[in-house]
């Protein structure tokens, strides 16, 4: 994304309090924090992405572990190649178990798909898909495209197919999906305020934020992942992340997450529902809504309602706070083919991976239609660089909805993750696309455009 927050805000998570990792103290400016982060060993790209397909030597692993921090991971450098596939070694995780027989994904490559090009947001032509995937500077690690449940394109430039990899903010789709299911079943009333389900926040600005406002990133509170908030260790955003990871804030105080959330203040002149502004803090509260409404942990519900039903090859690992809360706003980890299986349940080919329709037509329609074009255009989503780079004006999404970053008029949906992870679901064309990357913050992600263009080509458009 075209500023630091829009490049990195999808996953400003790990040891988020800068005082903890020694990169930004209360006296450091955001600029100096970034400069320090870039000078840490392993922060820069010196290795080709293909090295991640083989085991790293112990010296490299020891150095990566020693330097592990939020800002360091966000640099997308050499050490991030290790972090993205080994996060459960660094942060505790709960497992959503896979159940039953593994669903079979038939391979039926589409000839010529690797030659696909499309018109970028600036009006120029992209390079062919194969060239984009193979380019070292892309830092793409794995990509799969499926049509009618069959794998038509699959390449692993920088990861073993068997490895788990971080979803980053693609994880948020699981939060939105579970909440939409609960709403359809009458368990959660999304018209009610967040505080109906998170009583610790009653009497605060959250009283005016409905669950649906939160699901659509329209809280109207000063918690968006702006550049200022991302680089300010005293912002509500950074303090929430610090408390979730059990580290002191910039003043050396260990805070309670709910106490920090309670300090969120309304944006001047903006009511909830007026504008869509990206915030992992919002998703943090939605996880609490799910757990309060069901009296279940997020991981156990995700396993029961989704992961156990898709014929996954491996468990999904969901990293946890020191208190055991699921960090479901960014830290779900799985194999790439299992992410593809998850994506398929949103399409007519759901029966390729499941014996039952996990996502009902009602739930899918709610996801495709709950956004507001006016709020989308007033907010920060259209300014994200992957949107501007991947799509010309006439091909832009019409809004965000229920934790998905982009929904098009034809019902296709996309969610982006930091360091360039992605999931594209196109029920009308029966196409899905997923990818993992470890991309430095200086890159621009145009993979979403390839996925949407491939869907049109596969559908004969």
Protein backbone atom coordinates (compact mmCIF):
# COMPACT_ATOMS: atom_id res chain seq x y z
CA UNK A 1 0.00 0.00 0.00
CA UNK A 2 1.32 3.43 -0.82
CA UNK A 3 2.19 4.62 2.68
CA UNK A 4 3.81 2.63 5.46
CA UNK A 5 0.50 1.86 7.12
CA UNK A 6 -1.10 0.72 3.88
CA UNK A 7 1.85 -1.50 3.15
CA UNK A 8 2.13 -3.02 6.57
CA UNK A 9 -1.11 -2.43 8.43
CA UNK A 10 -2.56 -5.80 7.55
CA UNK A 11 -0.36 -7.45 10.15
CA UNK A 12 1.11 -5.03 12.67
CA UNK A 13 1.03 -7.69 15.31
CA UNK A 14 3.97 -9.56 16.69
CA UNK A 15 5.37 -7.95 19.90
CA UNK A 16 3.59 -4.84 18.65
CA UNK A 17 4.76 -2.63 21.50
CA UNK A 18 7.90 -1.04 20.14
CA UNK A 19 9.32 -0.62 23.63
CA UNK A 20 9.50 -4.42 23.88
CA UNK A 21 11.38 -5.12 20.66
CA UNK A 22 13.74 -2.17 21.06
CA UNK A 23 12.92 -0.69 17.68
CA UNK A 24 10.82 2.29 18.67
CA UNK A 25 10.73 3.78 22.16
CA UNK A 26 8.62 6.63 23.42
CA UNK A 27 11.34 8.98 22.21
CA UNK A 28 11.66 7.51 18.72
CA UNK A 29 9.81 8.96 15.78
CA UNK A 30 8.08 6.68 13.30
CA UNK A 31 10.77 7.46 10.75
CA UNK A 32 13.62 6.51 13.05
CA UNK A 33 11.75 3.33 14.02
CA UNK A 34 11.56 2.31 10.40
CA UNK A 35 15.20 3.19 9.79
CA UNK A 36 16.26 1.08 12.77
CA UNK A 37 14.10 -1.79 11.60
CA UNK A 38 15.70 -1.75 8.16
CA UNK A 39 19.18 -1.96 9.69
CA UNK A 40 18.51 -5.07 11.76
CA UNK A 41 20.25 -8.16 10.30
CA UNK A 42 17.85 -10.14 8.14
CA UNK A 43 15.50 -7.21 7.48
CA UNK A 44 16.63 -6.69 3.90
CA UNK A 45 16.18 -8.96 0.90
CA UNK A 46 19.47 -10.63 -0.01
CA UNK A 47 18.31 -14.20 -0.60
CA UNK A 48 16.15 -15.50 -3.46
CA UNK A 49 12.69 -16.59 -2.34
CA UNK A 50 13.40 -20.17 -3.45
CA UNK A 51 15.67 -20.70 -0.43
CA UNK A 52 12.54 -21.09 1.71
CA UNK A 53 11.77 -24.36 -0.07
CA UNK A 54 14.67 -26.00 1.77
CA UNK A 55 15.51 -26.13 5.50
CA UNK A 56 17.35 -23.08 6.81
CA UNK A 57 20.66 -23.74 8.55
CA UNK A 58 20.82 -23.42 12.32
CA UNK A 59 22.88 -20.24 12.28
CA UNK A 60 20.23 -18.49 10.17
CA UNK A 61 17.41 -19.78 12.39
CA UNK A 62 19.18 -18.68 15.58
CA UNK A 63 19.72 -15.19 14.16
CA UNK A 64 16.11 -14.96 13.02
CA UNK A 65 14.80 -15.99 16.41
CA UNK A 66 17.10 -13.55 18.20
CA UNK A 67 15.85 -10.64 16.08
CA UNK A 68 12.18 -11.63 15.97
CA UNK A 69 9.85 -8.65 16.32
CA UNK A 70 6.81 -7.10 14.75
CA UNK A 71 8.61 -4.43 12.76
CA UNK A 72 11.35 -6.87 11.76
CA UNK A 73 8.85 -9.33 10.29
CA UNK A 74 7.09 -6.53 8.42
CA UNK A 75 10.25 -5.68 6.53
CA UNK A 76 9.62 -8.81 4.45
CA UNK A 77 13.34 -9.52 4.38
CA UNK A 78 15.33 -12.72 4.69
CA UNK A 79 14.23 -13.53 8.25
CA UNK A 80 10.58 -13.04 7.36
CA UNK A 81 10.88 -16.03 5.03
CA UNK A 82 11.44 -18.08 8.16
CA UNK A 83 8.83 -16.38 10.33
CA UNK A 84 5.99 -16.76 7.84
CA UNK A 85 6.26 -20.54 7.83
CA UNK A 86 7.36 -21.12 11.43
CA UNK A 87 5.24 -18.75 13.47
CA UNK A 88 4.06 -21.50 15.80
CA UNK A 89 7.67 -21.81 17.02
CA UNK A 90 7.61 -18.18 18.12
CA UNK A 91 4.08 -17.64 19.43
CA UNK A 92 1.89 -20.32 21.11
CA UNK A 93 -0.93 -21.65 18.98
CA UNK A 94 -4.13 -23.66 19.28
CA UNK A 95 -4.93 -26.21 16.59
CA UNK A 96 -8.18 -26.49 14.66
CA UNK A 97 -8.04 -30.16 13.79
CA UNK A 98 -8.62 -31.63 10.36
CA UNK A 99 -11.20 -34.42 10.35
CA UNK A 100 -12.25 -37.28 8.12
CA UNK A 101 -10.77 -38.23 4.76
CA UNK A 102 -8.69 -35.67 2.91
CA UNK A 103 -10.65 -34.10 0.07
CA UNK A 104 -9.04 -34.66 -3.32
CA UNK A 105 -8.22 -31.64 -5.47
CA UNK A 106 -8.01 -32.82 -9.06
CA UNK A 107 -5.22 -31.25 -11.09
CA UNK A 108 -6.27 -30.16 -14.58
CA UNK A 109 -3.92 -27.39 -15.74
CA UNK A 110 -5.40 -24.93 -18.21
CA UNK A 111 -3.06 -24.53 -21.20
CA UNK A 112 -1.91 -20.99 -21.73
CA UNK A 113 -3.06 -19.64 -18.37
CA UNK A 114 0.54 -18.78 -17.51
CA UNK A 115 0.58 -16.40 -20.49
CA UNK A 116 -2.26 -14.36 -19.02
CA UNK A 117 -1.77 -10.58 -18.94
CA UNK A 118 -4.11 -7.79 -17.96
CA UNK A 119 -4.31 -4.01 -17.85
CA UNK A 120 -2.87 -2.63 -14.62
CA UNK A 121 -4.40 0.24 -12.71
CA UNK A 122 -2.08 2.73 -14.39
CA UNK A 123 -3.20 1.62 -17.85
CA UNK A 124 -0.06 -0.37 -18.74
CA UNK A 125 0.01 -4.08 -19.49
CA UNK A 126 1.17 -6.55 -16.87
CA UNK A 127 3.84 -9.09 -17.55
CA UNK A 128 2.60 -12.66 -18.21
CA UNK A 129 1.47 -14.52 -15.10
CA UNK A 130 4.31 -17.07 -15.35
CA UNK A 131 6.88 -14.27 -15.48
CA UNK A 132 5.29 -12.52 -12.49
CA UNK A 133 5.33 -15.74 -10.48
CA UNK A 134 8.93 -16.55 -11.38
CA UNK A 135 10.35 -13.09 -10.71
CA UNK A 136 12.52 -13.04 -7.58
CA UNK A 137 11.47 -9.50 -6.71
CA UNK A 138 7.81 -10.55 -6.56
CA UNK A 139 8.61 -12.74 -3.52
CA UNK A 140 5.57 -14.90 -4.28
CA UNK A 141 5.89 -18.26 -2.52
CA UNK A 142 2.87 -20.19 -3.70
CA UNK A 143 -0.23 -19.64 -5.82
CA UNK A 144 -3.22 -21.82 -6.73
CA UNK A 145 -6.16 -21.09 -9.02
CA UNK A 146 -9.12 -23.46 -9.15
CA UNK A 147 -12.01 -23.60 -11.62
CA UNK A 148 -15.06 -25.72 -10.84
CA UNK A 149 -13.12 -27.32 -8.01
CA UNK A 150 -10.16 -28.37 -10.14
CA UNK A 151 -6.66 -26.93 -9.79
CA UNK A 152 -5.93 -25.22 -13.11
CA UNK A 153 -2.77 -23.34 -12.08
CA UNK A 154 -0.35 -24.15 -9.26
CA UNK A 155 3.21 -23.01 -8.63
CA UNK A 156 5.40 -23.01 -5.51
CA UNK A 157 8.35 -20.67 -6.13
CA UNK A 158 9.23 -20.22 -2.47
CA UNK A 159 7.59 -22.73 -0.17
CA UNK A 160 7.14 -26.46 0.17
CA UNK A 161 3.51 -27.45 -0.49
CA UNK A 162 3.49 -29.28 2.86
CA UNK A 163 4.38 -26.25 4.98
CA UNK A 164 2.02 -24.12 7.00
CA UNK A 165 2.18 -20.42 6.21
CA UNK A 166 0.66 -17.36 7.82
CA UNK A 167 -2.63 -16.08 6.35
CA UNK A 168 -2.09 -12.61 7.84
CA UNK A 169 -5.32 -10.62 7.50
CA UNK A 170 -6.87 -13.20 5.22
CA UNK A 171 -7.68 -14.62 8.69
CA UNK A 172 -10.29 -11.91 9.11
CA UNK A 173 -12.55 -13.67 6.59
CA UNK A 174 -12.94 -16.53 9.07
CA UNK A 175 -14.11 -14.06 11.73
CA UNK A 176 -16.61 -12.48 9.33
CA UNK A 177 -17.83 -15.87 8.15
CA UNK A 178 -18.46 -17.28 11.61
CA UNK A 179 -20.28 -14.12 12.69
CA UNK A 180 -22.46 -14.16 9.59
CA UNK A 181 -23.35 -17.79 10.27
CA UNK A 182 -24.29 -16.91 13.83
CA UNK A 183 -26.40 -14.00 12.62
CA UNK A 184 -28.24 -16.18 10.10
CA UNK A 185 -29.01 -18.62 12.90
CA UNK A 186 -30.29 -15.89 15.22
CA UNK A 187 -27.48 -16.36 17.73
CA UNK A 188 -26.06 -12.86 17.17
CA UNK A 189 -28.06 -9.73 16.39
CA UNK A 190 -25.68 -7.58 14.37
CA UNK A 191 -27.90 -4.52 14.75
CA UNK A 192 -27.08 -4.49 18.46
CA UNK A 193 -24.06 -2.62 19.80
CA UNK A 194 -20.77 -4.37 20.36
CA UNK A 195 -21.23 -3.80 24.07
CA UNK A 196 -24.25 -6.09 24.11
CA UNK A 197 -21.74 -8.92 23.71
CA UNK A 198 -18.61 -7.34 25.20
CA UNK A 199 -19.87 -5.97 28.53
CA UNK A 200 -16.42 -4.77 29.59
CA UNK A 201 -16.82 -1.96 27.05
CA UNK A 202 -20.21 -0.70 28.24
CA UNK A 203 -20.25 2.99 29.02
CA UNK A 204 -17.61 3.75 26.36
CA UNK A 205 -17.68 4.98 22.76
CA UNK A 206 -18.26 1.37 21.68
CA UNK A 207 -21.87 1.68 22.88
CA UNK A 208 -22.67 3.42 19.58
CA UNK A 209 -20.90 0.86 17.37
CA UNK A 210 -23.16 -1.91 16.13
CA UNK A 211 -21.80 -5.35 15.34
CA UNK A 212 -22.56 -4.83 11.64
CA UNK A 213 -20.74 -1.48 11.69
CA UNK A 214 -17.73 -3.29 13.13
CA UNK A 215 -17.97 -6.14 10.62
CA UNK A 216 -17.88 -3.56 7.82
CA UNK A 217 -14.98 -1.61 9.39
CA UNK A 218 -17.22 1.41 9.99
CA UNK A 219 -16.71 1.98 13.71
CA UNK A 220 -16.27 5.75 13.52
CA UNK A 221 -13.56 5.50 16.18
CA UNK A 222 -9.94 6.63 16.17
CA UNK A 223 -8.56 3.10 15.81
CA UNK A 224 -7.80 2.89 12.09
CA UNK A 225 -4.38 1.67 11.00
CA UNK A 226 -3.20 5.01 9.74
CA UNK A 227 0.47 5.80 9.30
CA UNK A 228 0.38 7.92 12.43
CA UNK A 229 -1.23 5.19 14.54
CA UNK A 230 1.03 2.49 13.15
CA UNK A 231 4.16 4.39 14.12
CA UNK A 232 2.91 5.77 17.44
CA UNK A 233 3.48 3.31 20.31
CA UNK A 234 0.95 5.24 22.40
CA UNK A 235 -1.93 4.93 19.92
CA UNK A 236 -4.88 2.78 20.95
CA UNK A 237 -4.04 0.56 18.00
CA UNK A 238 -0.47 -0.19 19.11
CA UNK A 239 -1.39 -0.41 22.79
CA UNK A 240 -4.08 -3.01 22.07
CA UNK A 241 -1.60 -5.11 20.14
CA UNK A 242 0.99 -4.78 22.90
CA UNK A 243 -1.45 -5.91 25.56
CA UNK A 244 -2.63 -8.81 23.41
CA UNK A 245 0.95 -10.01 23.16
CA UNK A 246 1.68 -9.51 26.83
CA UNK A 247 4.35 -6.84 26.46
CA UNK A 248 4.63 -3.45 28.20
CA UNK A 249 3.48 -0.31 26.47
CA UNK A 250 5.82 2.56 25.57
CA UNK A 251 5.72 3.75 29.17
CA UNK A 252 6.71 0.35 30.54
CA UNK A 253 3.22 -0.50 31.81
CA UNK A 254 1.51 -3.83 31.20
CA UNK A 255 -2.04 -2.98 30.18
CA UNK A 256 -5.26 -4.95 29.94
CA UNK A 257 -6.67 -5.03 26.42
CA UNK A 258 -10.21 -4.10 27.43
CA UNK A 259 -8.93 -1.09 29.38
CA UNK A 260 -7.14 0.16 26.26
CA UNK A 261 -10.16 -0.48 24.03
CA UNK A 262 -12.28 1.50 26.46
CA UNK A 263 -10.15 4.57 25.74
CA UNK A 264 -11.05 4.62 22.03
CA UNK A 265 -12.63 7.94 21.10
CA UNK A 266 -14.95 8.89 18.22
CA UNK A 267 -13.49 10.45 15.10
CA UNK A 268 -14.45 14.08 14.86
CA UNK A 269 -17.46 14.56 12.60
CA UNK A 270 -17.81 10.85 11.83
CA UNK A 271 -20.55 8.59 13.14
CA UNK A 272 -20.42 4.78 13.01
CA UNK A 273 -21.44 3.57 9.56
CA UNK A 274 -20.23 6.66 7.69
CA UNK A 275 -16.85 5.49 6.39
CA UNK A 276 -14.94 2.21 6.07
CA UNK A 277 -11.55 2.48 7.76
CA UNK A 278 -9.33 -0.56 8.11
CA UNK A 279 -8.62 -1.69 11.67
CA UNK A 280 -7.46 -4.97 13.21
CA UNK A 281 -8.65 -3.57 16.54
CA UNK A 282 -12.22 -3.89 15.26
CA UNK A 283 -11.71 -7.54 14.39
CA UNK A 284 -10.26 -8.05 17.87
CA UNK A 285 -13.62 -7.07 19.36
CA UNK A 286 -15.52 -9.29 16.92
CA UNK A 287 -13.64 -12.34 18.18
CA UNK A 288 -14.90 -11.42 21.65
CA UNK A 289 -18.45 -11.16 20.27
CA UNK A 290 -18.19 -14.68 18.83
CA UNK A 291 -16.84 -16.17 22.03
CA UNK A 292 -19.36 -14.36 24.25
CA UNK A 293 -22.35 -15.31 22.09
CA UNK A 294 -21.40 -18.99 21.87
CA UNK A 295 -19.49 -19.57 25.12
CA UNK A 296 -16.87 -21.28 22.97
CA UNK A 297 -13.31 -20.49 22.05
CA UNK A 298 -12.84 -19.12 18.55
CA UNK A 299 -10.55 -22.00 17.60
CA UNK A 300 -12.99 -24.71 18.68
CA UNK A 301 -15.85 -23.05 16.81
CA UNK A 302 -13.74 -22.53 13.69
CA UNK A 303 -12.80 -26.20 13.83
CA UNK A 304 -16.37 -27.39 14.31
CA UNK A 305 -18.09 -25.14 11.81
CA UNK A 306 -15.47 -24.89 9.05
CA UNK A 307 -12.07 -26.60 9.27
CA UNK A 308 -13.31 -30.09 10.19
CA UNK A 309 -15.69 -30.04 7.22
CA UNK A 310 -13.38 -29.27 4.28
CA UNK A 311 -11.22 -32.39 4.15
CA UNK A 312 -8.14 -30.43 5.14
CA UNK A 313 -4.78 -32.20 4.97
CA UNK A 314 -3.43 -30.51 8.12
CA UNK A 315 -4.72 -28.72 11.20
CA UNK A 316 -4.96 -24.94 11.07
CA UNK A 317 -2.80 -23.27 13.72
CA UNK A 318 -4.19 -20.12 15.36
CA UNK A 319 -1.70 -18.17 17.44
CA UNK A 320 -2.73 -17.11 20.93
CA UNK A 321 -2.23 -14.24 23.36
CA UNK A 322 -0.55 -15.07 26.69
CA UNK A 323 -4.05 -15.38 28.16
CA UNK A 324 -5.08 -17.88 25.49
CA UNK A 325 -7.24 -15.64 23.27
CA UNK A 326 -7.16 -16.37 19.55
CA UNK A 327 -5.30 -13.78 17.50
CA UNK A 328 -7.79 -14.38 14.72
CA UNK A 329 -7.38 -10.94 13.22
CA UNK A 330 -4.14 -12.03 11.58
CA UNK A 331 -2.54 -15.23 12.80
CA UNK A 332 -4.17 -18.27 11.22
CA UNK A 333 -1.65 -20.61 9.59
CA UNK A 334 -2.25 -23.43 7.10
CA UNK A 335 -1.05 -25.16 3.96
CA UNK A 336 -1.85 -23.36 0.72
CA UNK A 337 -4.01 -26.20 -0.60
CA UNK A 338 -6.02 -26.14 2.63
CA UNK A 339 -6.59 -22.40 2.19
CA UNK A 340 -7.86 -23.29 -1.29
CA UNK A 341 -10.23 -25.88 0.23
CA UNK A 342 -11.53 -23.19 2.58
CA UNK A 343 -12.07 -20.87 -0.38
CA UNK A 344 -14.05 -23.51 -2.28
CA UNK A 345 -16.82 -23.62 0.33
CA UNK A 346 -17.92 -20.19 -0.90
CA UNK A 347 -18.47 -21.51 -4.46
CA UNK A 348 -20.84 -23.91 -6.28
CA UNK A 349 -18.02 -26.50 -6.13
CA UNK A 350 -18.24 -26.76 -2.34
CA UNK A 351 -19.05 -30.48 -2.68
CA UNK A 352 -15.51 -31.15 -3.94
CA UNK A 353 -14.24 -30.64 -0.39
CA UNK A 354 -17.27 -31.15 1.85
CA UNK A 355 -20.18 -33.51 2.31
CA UNK A 356 -22.37 -30.59 3.34
CA UNK A 357 -22.84 -27.00 2.25
CA UNK A 358 -20.79 -25.18 4.86
CA UNK A 359 -21.67 -21.70 3.59
CA UNK A 360 -25.40 -21.45 3.00
CA UNK A 361 -26.75 -19.32 0.13
CA UNK A 362 -28.14 -16.96 2.75
CA UNK A 363 -24.76 -16.47 4.42
CA UNK A 364 -23.01 -15.97 1.09
CA UNK A 365 -25.55 -13.37 -0.04
CA UNK A 366 -25.19 -11.50 3.24
CA UNK A 367 -21.44 -11.31 2.68
CA UNK A 368 -21.86 -10.12 -0.89
CA UNK A 369 -24.44 -7.41 -0.17
CA UNK A 370 -23.79 -5.89 3.27
CA UNK A 371 -21.32 -3.20 2.26
CA UNK A 372 -21.93 0.46 1.51
CA UNK A 373 -20.44 2.04 -1.58
CA UNK A 374 -20.72 5.49 -0.05
CA UNK A 375 -18.88 4.42 3.13
CA UNK A 376 -16.28 2.57 1.04
CA UNK A 377 -15.51 5.60 -1.10
CA UNK A 378 -15.35 7.90 1.94
CA UNK A 379 -12.91 5.62 3.72
CA UNK A 380 -9.37 4.39 3.11
CA UNK A 381 -9.97 1.15 1.20
CA UNK A 382 -9.82 2.58 -2.36
CA UNK A 383 -6.43 4.09 -1.52
CA UNK A 384 -4.76 0.77 -0.77
CA UNK A 385 -2.03 0.25 -3.33
CA UNK A 386 -3.07 -3.28 -4.29
CA UNK A 387 -6.49 -1.87 -5.29
CA UNK A 388 -5.08 1.04 -7.29
CA UNK A 389 -2.38 -1.06 -8.92
CA UNK A 390 -4.48 -4.11 -9.79
CA UNK A 391 -7.65 -2.50 -11.09
CA UNK A 392 -8.56 0.25 -13.52
CA UNK A 393 -11.35 2.59 -12.41
CA UNK A 394 -14.01 0.62 -14.27
CA UNK A 395 -12.84 -2.62 -12.64
CA UNK A 396 -12.71 -1.41 -9.04
CA UNK A 397 -14.62 -3.13 -6.22
CA UNK A 398 -17.85 -1.47 -5.16
CA UNK A 399 -17.39 -1.88 -1.40
CA UNK A 400 -15.91 -3.89 1.45
CA UNK A 401 -18.18 -6.21 3.42
CA UNK A 402 -18.10 -8.36 6.55
CA UNK A 403 -14.28 -8.40 6.85
CA UNK A 404 -13.68 -8.87 3.11
CA UNK A 405 -11.66 -5.98 1.66
CA UNK A 406 -13.33 -6.00 -1.74
CA UNK A 407 -16.66 -7.04 -3.22
CA UNK A 408 -17.53 -6.54 -6.87
CA UNK A 409 -20.98 -6.01 -8.39
CA UNK A 410 -20.87 -9.58 -9.73
CA UNK A 411 -20.45 -10.99 -6.20
CA UNK A 412 -16.73 -11.82 -6.31
CA UNK A 413 -14.84 -11.16 -3.06
CA UNK A 414 -11.19 -10.63 -2.12
CA UNK A 415 -9.18 -10.28 1.09
CA UNK A 416 -5.60 -9.07 1.27
CA UNK A 417 -3.02 -9.80 3.94
CA UNK A 418 0.22 -8.16 4.99
CA UNK A 419 3.41 -9.34 3.27
CA UNK A 420 1.04 -10.10 0.39
CA UNK A 421 -1.28 -12.99 1.13
CA UNK A 422 -4.57 -13.23 -0.71
CA UNK A 423 -7.85 -15.07 -1.22
CA UNK A 424 -10.16 -14.45 -4.20
CA UNK A 425 -13.60 -16.09 -4.29
CA UNK A 426 -15.80 -15.80 -7.39
CA UNK A 427 -19.00 -17.82 -6.91
CA UNK A 428 -20.57 -16.70 -10.21
CA UNK A 429 -17.61 -17.95 -12.24
CA UNK A 430 -16.87 -20.84 -9.85
CA UNK A 431 -13.26 -19.74 -9.51
CA UNK A 432 -11.03 -19.27 -6.48
CA UNK A 433 -7.45 -18.12 -6.16
CA UNK A 434 -5.12 -18.13 -3.14
CA UNK A 435 -1.51 -17.15 -2.66
CA UNK A 436 1.23 -16.81 -0.07
CA UNK A 437 4.14 -14.37 -0.21
CA UNK A 438 6.87 -12.79 1.84
CA UNK A 439 7.11 -9.45 0.13
CA UNK A 440 9.15 -6.44 1.30
CA UNK A 441 7.30 -3.24 2.08
CA UNK A 442 8.73 -1.56 -1.00
CA UNK A 443 6.79 -3.87 -3.34
CA UNK A 444 3.32 -3.39 -4.80
CA UNK A 445 0.98 -6.37 -4.96
CA UNK A 446 -0.73 -6.87 -8.33
CA UNK A 447 -1.61 -10.55 -7.81
CA UNK A 448 -5.30 -9.73 -7.13
CA UNK A 449 -5.62 -8.45 -10.68
CA UNK A 450 -4.25 -11.69 -12.11
CA UNK A 451 -6.73 -13.73 -10.10
CA UNK A 452 -9.73 -11.70 -11.23
CA UNK A 453 -8.58 -11.70 -14.85
CA UNK A 454 -8.01 -15.46 -14.70
CA UNK A 455 -11.55 -15.94 -13.40
CA UNK A 456 -12.96 -14.03 -16.36
CA UNK A 457 -10.82 -15.99 -18.82
CA UNK A 458 -11.79 -19.35 -17.31
CA UNK A 459 -15.46 -18.37 -17.46
CA UNK A 460 -15.08 -17.61 -21.17
CA UNK A 461 -15.52 -13.85 -20.84
